[in-house]
C-alpha atoms as a PDB file:
ATOM      1  CA  UNK A   1      90.560 188.773  71.208  1.00  0.00           C
ATOM      2  CA  UNK A   2      91.755 188.168  74.705  1.00  0.00           C
ATOM      3  CA  UNK A   3      91.387 190.484  77.663  1.00  0.00           C
ATOM      4  CA  UNK A   4      94.403 191.649  79.532  1.00  0.00           C
ATOM      5  CA  UNK A   5      95.090 189.530  82.691  1.00  0.00           C
ATOM      6  CA  UNK A   6      95.627 190.436  86.227  1.00  0.00           C
ATOM      7  CA  UNK A   7      96.087 188.124  89.107  1.00  0.00           C
ATOM      8  CA  UNK A   8      93.324 185.807  87.958  1.00  0.00           C
ATOM      9  CA  UNK A   9      91.192 185.079  84.853  1.00  0.00           C
ATOM     10  CA  UNK A  10      88.341 187.362  85.634  1.00  0.00           C
ATOM     11  CA  UNK A  11      90.277 190.462  86.578  1.00  0.00           C
ATOM     12  CA  UNK A  12      89.076 192.572  83.639  1.00  0.00           C
ATOM     13  CA  UNK A  13      86.146 190.371  82.403  1.00  0.00           C
ATOM     14  CA  UNK A  14      84.079 191.702  85.283  1.00  0.00           C
ATOM     15  CA  UNK A  15      83.755 194.893  83.416  1.00  0.00           C
ATOM     16  CA  UNK A  16      82.040 193.118  80.569  1.00  0.00           C
ATOM     17  CA  UNK A  17      78.841 192.714  82.720  1.00  0.00           C
ATOM     18  CA  UNK A  18      77.037 195.801  81.184  1.00  0.00           C
ATOM     19  CA  UNK A  19      77.882 194.540  77.786  1.00  0.00           C
ATOM     20  CA  UNK A  20      76.658 191.026  78.669  1.00  0.00           C
ATOM     21  CA  UNK A  21      73.417 192.619  79.933  1.00  0.00           C
ATOM     22  CA  UNK A  22      73.000 194.566  76.602  1.00  0.00           C
ATOM     23  CA  UNK A  23      73.636 197.818  78.527  1.00  0.00           C
ATOM     24  CA  UNK A  24      70.170 197.402  80.090  1.00  0.00           C
ATOM     25  CA  UNK A  25      69.063 197.276  83.814  1.00  0.00           C
ATOM     26  CA  UNK A  26      71.484 196.825  86.625  1.00  0.00           C
ATOM     27  CA  UNK A  27      73.586 193.919  87.955  1.00  0.00           C
ATOM     28  CA  UNK A  28      75.731 192.759  90.819  1.00  0.00           C
ATOM     29  CA  UNK A  29      79.286 191.665  90.533  1.00  0.00           C
ATOM     30  CA  UNK A  30      81.096 189.863  93.242  1.00  0.00           C
ATOM     31  CA  UNK A  31      84.564 188.385  93.019  1.00  0.00           C
ATOM     32  CA  UNK A  32      82.803 185.156  94.426  1.00  0.00           C
ATOM     33  CA  UNK A  33      85.787 182.817  94.370  1.00  0.00           C
ATOM     34  CA  UNK A  34      87.275 184.427  97.417  1.00  0.00           C
ATOM     35  CA  UNK A  35      84.130 185.489  99.095  1.00  0.00           C
ATOM     36  CA  UNK A  36      81.431 184.186 101.380  1.00  0.00           C
ATOM     37  CA  UNK A  37      77.924 185.866 101.398  1.00  0.00           C
ATOM     38  CA  UNK A  38      76.701 186.008 104.996  1.00  0.00           C
ATOM     39  CA  UNK A  39      73.730 188.290 104.105  1.00  0.00           C
ATOM     40  CA  UNK A  40      70.726 188.365 101.699  1.00  0.00           C
ATOM     41  CA  UNK A  41      71.917 189.398  98.283  1.00  0.00           C
ATOM     42  CA  UNK A  42      68.286 190.942  97.802  1.00  0.00           C
ATOM     43  CA  UNK A  43      69.347 193.552 100.587  1.00  0.00           C
ATOM     44  CA  UNK A  44      72.376 194.459  98.531  1.00  0.00           C
ATOM     45  CA  UNK A  45      70.314 194.725  95.271  1.00  0.00           C
ATOM     46  CA  UNK A  46      67.836 197.080  97.253  1.00  0.00           C
ATOM     47  CA  UNK A  47      70.681 199.584  97.599  1.00  0.00           C
ATOM     48  CA  UNK A  48      70.819 200.305  93.724  1.00  0.00           C
ATOM     49  CA  UNK A  49      70.851 203.924  92.900  1.00  0.00           C
ATOM     50  CA  UNK A  50      70.385 204.735  89.234  1.00  0.00           C
ATOM     51  CA  UNK A  51      72.259 208.049  89.749  1.00  0.00           C
ATOM     52  CA  UNK A  52      75.743 206.169  89.675  1.00  0.00           C
ATOM     53  CA  UNK A  53      77.501 204.172  87.105  1.00  0.00           C
ATOM     54  CA  UNK A  54      78.696 201.947  89.895  1.00  0.00           C
ATOM     55  CA  UNK A  55      78.404 201.615  93.648  1.00  0.00           C
ATOM     56  CA  UNK A  56      81.188 199.995  95.612  1.00  0.00           C
ATOM     57  CA  UNK A  57      82.584 199.736  99.159  1.00  0.00           C
ATOM     58  CA  UNK A  58      85.275 202.336  99.258  1.00  0.00           C
ATOM     59  CA  UNK A  59      88.262 201.280 101.071  1.00  0.00           C
ATOM     60  CA  UNK A  60      90.129 204.833 101.702  1.00  0.00           C
ATOM     61  CA  UNK A  61      93.982 204.595 102.173  1.00  0.00           C
ATOM     62  CA  UNK A  62      93.854 200.788 102.018  1.00  0.00           C
ATOM     63  CA  UNK A  63      97.285 199.124 101.714  1.00  0.00           C
ATOM     64  CA  UNK A  64      97.341 195.313 101.666  1.00  0.00           C
ATOM     65  CA  UNK A  65      99.021 193.375 104.512  1.00  0.00           C
ATOM     66  CA  UNK A  66      99.958 190.622 102.015  1.00  0.00           C
ATOM     67  CA  UNK A  67     102.715 191.209  99.498  1.00  0.00           C
ATOM     68  CA  UNK A  68     101.955 187.833  97.741  1.00  0.00           C
ATOM     69  CA  UNK A  69      98.644 186.415  96.830  1.00  0.00           C
ATOM     70  CA  UNK A  70      97.712 182.760  96.534  1.00  0.00           C
ATOM     71  CA  UNK A  71     100.733 181.575  98.387  1.00  0.00           C
ATOM     72  CA  UNK A  72     101.551 177.883  97.736  1.00  0.00           C
ATOM     73  CA  UNK A  73      99.340 177.597  94.784  1.00  0.00           C
ATOM     74  CA  UNK A  74      99.933 177.669  90.996  1.00  0.00           C
ATOM     75  CA  UNK A  75      98.377 181.077  90.995  1.00  0.00           C
ATOM     76  CA  UNK A  76     100.947 182.669  93.333  1.00  0.00           C
ATOM     77  CA  UNK A  77     101.731 186.234  92.400  1.00  0.00           C
ATOM     78  CA  UNK A  78     102.635 189.557  93.729  1.00  0.00           C
ATOM     79  CA  UNK A  79      99.701 191.522  95.420  1.00  0.00           C
ATOM     80  CA  UNK A  80      99.905 194.762  93.439  1.00  0.00           C
ATOM     81  CA  UNK A  81      98.948 198.218  94.925  1.00  0.00           C
ATOM     82  CA  UNK A  82      96.904 200.554  92.919  1.00  0.00           C
ATOM     83  CA  UNK A  83      94.446 203.336  93.464  1.00  0.00           C
ATOM     84  CA  UNK A  84      91.113 202.215  94.898  1.00  0.00           C
ATOM     85  CA  UNK A  85      92.289 198.576  95.353  1.00  0.00           C
ATOM     86  CA  UNK A  86      89.442 196.064  96.022  1.00  0.00           C
ATOM     87  CA  UNK A  87      86.754 198.720  95.222  1.00  0.00           C
ATOM     88  CA  UNK A  88      85.726 196.701  92.056  1.00  0.00           C
ATOM     89  CA  UNK A  89      85.493 193.323  93.890  1.00  0.00           C
ATOM     90  CA  UNK A  90      81.808 194.084  94.784  1.00  0.00           C
ATOM     91  CA  UNK A  91      79.999 196.225  92.373  1.00  0.00           C
ATOM     92  CA  UNK A  92      76.366 197.346  92.063  1.00  0.00           C
ATOM     93  CA  UNK A  93      76.321 198.164  88.297  1.00  0.00           C
ATOM     94  CA  UNK A  94      74.044 200.562  86.412  1.00  0.00           C
ATOM     95  CA  UNK A  95      74.334 198.910  83.028  1.00  0.00           C
ATOM     96  CA  UNK A  96      72.468 201.789  81.450  1.00  0.00           C
ATOM     97  CA  UNK A  97      74.810 204.516  82.701  1.00  0.00           C
ATOM     98  CA  UNK A  98      76.731 206.172  79.790  1.00  0.00           C
ATOM     99  CA  UNK A  99      80.121 205.600  81.403  1.00  0.00           C
ATOM    100  CA  UNK A 100      79.844 201.905  80.649  1.00  0.00           C
ATOM    101  CA  UNK A 101      79.373 202.434  76.864  1.00  0.00           C
ATOM    102  CA  UNK A 102      83.124 201.803  76.141  1.00  0.00           C
ATOM    103  CA  UNK A 103      83.086 198.581  78.218  1.00  0.00           C
ATOM    104  CA  UNK A 104      83.148 196.195  75.148  1.00  0.00           C
ATOM    105  CA  UNK A 105      85.501 193.263  74.600  1.00  0.00           C
ATOM    106  CA  UNK A 106      87.381 195.194  71.905  1.00  0.00           C
ATOM    107  CA  UNK A 107      88.097 198.165  74.267  1.00  0.00           C
ATOM    108  CA  UNK A 108      88.761 196.237  77.292  1.00  0.00           C
ATOM    109  CA  UNK A 109      91.384 194.173  75.447  1.00  0.00           C
ATOM    110  CA  UNK A 110      93.540 197.348  75.220  1.00  0.00           C
ATOM    111  CA  UNK A 111      93.266 198.735  78.733  1.00  0.00           C
ATOM    112  CA  UNK A 112      95.338 198.269  81.904  1.00  0.00           C
ATOM    113  CA  UNK A 113      93.764 196.097  84.481  1.00  0.00           C
ATOM    114  CA  UNK A 114      94.910 198.618  87.215  1.00  0.00           C
ATOM    115  CA  UNK A 115      92.963 201.499  85.430  1.00  0.00           C
ATOM    116  CA  UNK A 116      89.821 199.430  85.302  1.00  0.00           C
ATOM    117  CA  UNK A 117      90.007 197.988  88.814  1.00  0.00           C
ATOM    118  CA  UNK A 118      90.750 201.428  90.137  1.00  0.00           C
ATOM    119  CA  UNK A 119      87.602 202.810  88.339  1.00  0.00           C
ATOM    120  CA  UNK A 120      89.685 205.570  87.101  1.00  0.00           C
ATOM    121  CA  UNK A 121      87.450 205.639  83.921  1.00  0.00           C
ATOM    122  CA  UNK A 122      84.293 207.127  85.801  1.00  0.00           C
ATOM    123  CA  UNK A 123      83.646 209.896  88.450  1.00  0.00           C
ATOM    124  CA  UNK A 124      80.124 208.388  88.974  1.00  0.00           C
ATOM    125  CA  UNK A 125      80.976 206.132  91.949  1.00  0.00           C
ATOM    126  CA  UNK A 126      78.384 205.661  94.594  1.00  0.00           C
ATOM    127  CA  UNK A 127      79.304 204.116  98.082  1.00  0.00           C
ATOM    128  CA  UNK A 128      77.884 200.978  99.604  1.00  0.00           C
ATOM    129  CA  UNK A 129      78.110 200.222 103.296  1.00  0.00           C
ATOM    130  CA  UNK A 130      81.276 198.650 104.442  1.00  0.00           C
ATOM    131  CA  UNK A 131      79.544 195.396 105.477  1.00  0.00           C
ATOM    132  CA  UNK A 132      79.162 194.466 101.853  1.00  0.00           C
ATOM    133  CA  UNK A 133      82.944 193.989 101.220  1.00  0.00           C
ATOM    134  CA  UNK A 134      84.818 193.128 104.513  1.00  0.00           C
ATOM    135  CA  UNK A 135      88.420 192.425 103.816  1.00  0.00           C
ATOM    136  CA  UNK A 136      88.698 189.893 106.672  1.00  0.00           C
ATOM    137  CA  UNK A 137      92.245 188.869 106.076  1.00  0.00           C
ATOM    138  CA  UNK A 138      93.253 192.504 106.042  1.00  0.00           C
ATOM    139  CA  UNK A 139      92.039 192.923 109.627  1.00  0.00           C
ATOM    140  CA  UNK A 140      88.433 194.285 108.905  1.00  0.00           C
ATOM    141  CA  UNK A 141      85.515 192.858 110.945  1.00  0.00           C
ATOM    142  CA  UNK A 142      83.005 190.447 109.484  1.00  0.00           C
ATOM    143  CA  UNK A 143      79.864 191.624 107.865  1.00  0.00           C
ATOM    144  CA  UNK A 144      77.380 190.465 105.257  1.00  0.00           C
ATOM    145  CA  UNK A 145      80.121 189.663 102.561  1.00  0.00           C
ATOM    146  CA  UNK A 146      83.344 188.325 103.697  1.00  0.00           C
ATOM    147  CA  UNK A 147      86.311 188.786 101.323  1.00  0.00           C
ATOM    148  CA  UNK A 148      89.738 186.942 101.677  1.00  0.00           C
ATOM    149  CA  UNK A 149      91.809 189.015  99.525  1.00  0.00           C
ATOM    150  CA  UNK A 150      95.095 187.123  99.535  1.00  0.00           C
ATOM    151  CA  UNK A 151      93.802 183.560  99.406  1.00  0.00           C
ATOM    152  CA  UNK A 152      90.843 181.567 100.389  1.00  0.00           C
ATOM    153  CA  UNK A 153      90.838 179.314 103.679  1.00  0.00           C
ATOM    154  CA  UNK A 154      90.639 176.287 101.415  1.00  0.00           C
ATOM    155  CA  UNK A 155      94.345 176.970 100.426  1.00  0.00           C
ATOM    156  CA  UNK A 156      96.838 175.455 102.851  1.00  0.00           C
ATOM    157  CA  UNK A 157      98.675 178.798 103.449  1.00  0.00           C
ATOM    158  CA  UNK A 158      95.414 180.439 104.521  1.00  0.00           C
ATOM    159  CA  UNK A 159      93.607 177.671 106.330  1.00  0.00           C
ATOM    160  CA  UNK A 160      93.830 179.658 109.537  1.00  0.00           C
ATOM    161  CA  UNK A 161      92.790 182.998 108.191  1.00  0.00           C
ATOM    162  CA  UNK A 162      90.205 185.157 110.082  1.00  0.00           C
ATOM    163  CA  UNK A 163      86.780 183.561 109.736  1.00  0.00           C
ATOM    164  CA  UNK A 164      88.226 180.446 108.080  1.00  0.00           C
ATOM    165  CA  UNK A 165      85.967 178.235 110.426  1.00  0.00           C
ATOM    166  CA  UNK A 166      82.942 179.804 108.699  1.00  0.00           C
ATOM    167  CA  UNK A 167      84.311 179.202 105.330  1.00  0.00           C
ATOM    168  CA  UNK A 168      85.128 175.663 106.212  1.00  0.00           C
ATOM    169  CA  UNK A 169      81.635 175.194 107.512  1.00  0.00           C
ATOM    170  CA  UNK A 170      79.927 176.376 104.534  1.00  0.00           C
ATOM    171  CA  UNK A 171      82.280 174.215 102.320  1.00  0.00           C
ATOM    172  CA  UNK A 172      81.170 171.114 104.277  1.00  0.00           C
ATOM    173  CA  UNK A 173      77.581 172.047 103.890  1.00  0.00           C
ATOM    174  CA  UNK A 174      78.084 172.321 100.083  1.00  0.00           C
ATOM    175  CA  UNK A 175      79.854 168.911  99.943  1.00  0.00           C
ATOM    176  CA  UNK A 176      76.830 167.234 101.685  1.00  0.00           C
ATOM    177  CA  UNK A 177      74.495 168.760  99.031  1.00  0.00           C
ATOM    178  CA  UNK A 178      76.544 167.788  96.069  1.00  0.00           C
END
């Protein structure tokens, strides 16, 4: 049974994290493919509050500057607007919270990606400091986690995006290790 797709393969699969953890403990989800961690993930983990089903950086009244994502790639697609956009791109998840009980492959196969991404299925949403999901290509300043929402600096169309030099530096470091 496949999951509904959004603009990438993991759009809805991120909500399987509590199920994959057997609904025990807590976990961190980050988009990863379009992010660069410039802080200590242990510091993010230390912000866990068991009171909430999920903790996120809330981007109130956010509207994207980019009407198209992944320009010039085989993944190019419209950049849809929906309530609470980009909130679910970094989540501190309480896998034991009862609001996650319906996050199974069978149920997620039938839901709308926008409903899940907008966290419309829970009222138990705690807030993380803004530095843990900085939408740098949307004009936000750098912080501990940089997020290029429209496309990574490794894509030609985004090679000069804000903070691209840091992304390219980290990529070069990885290439020397591998």
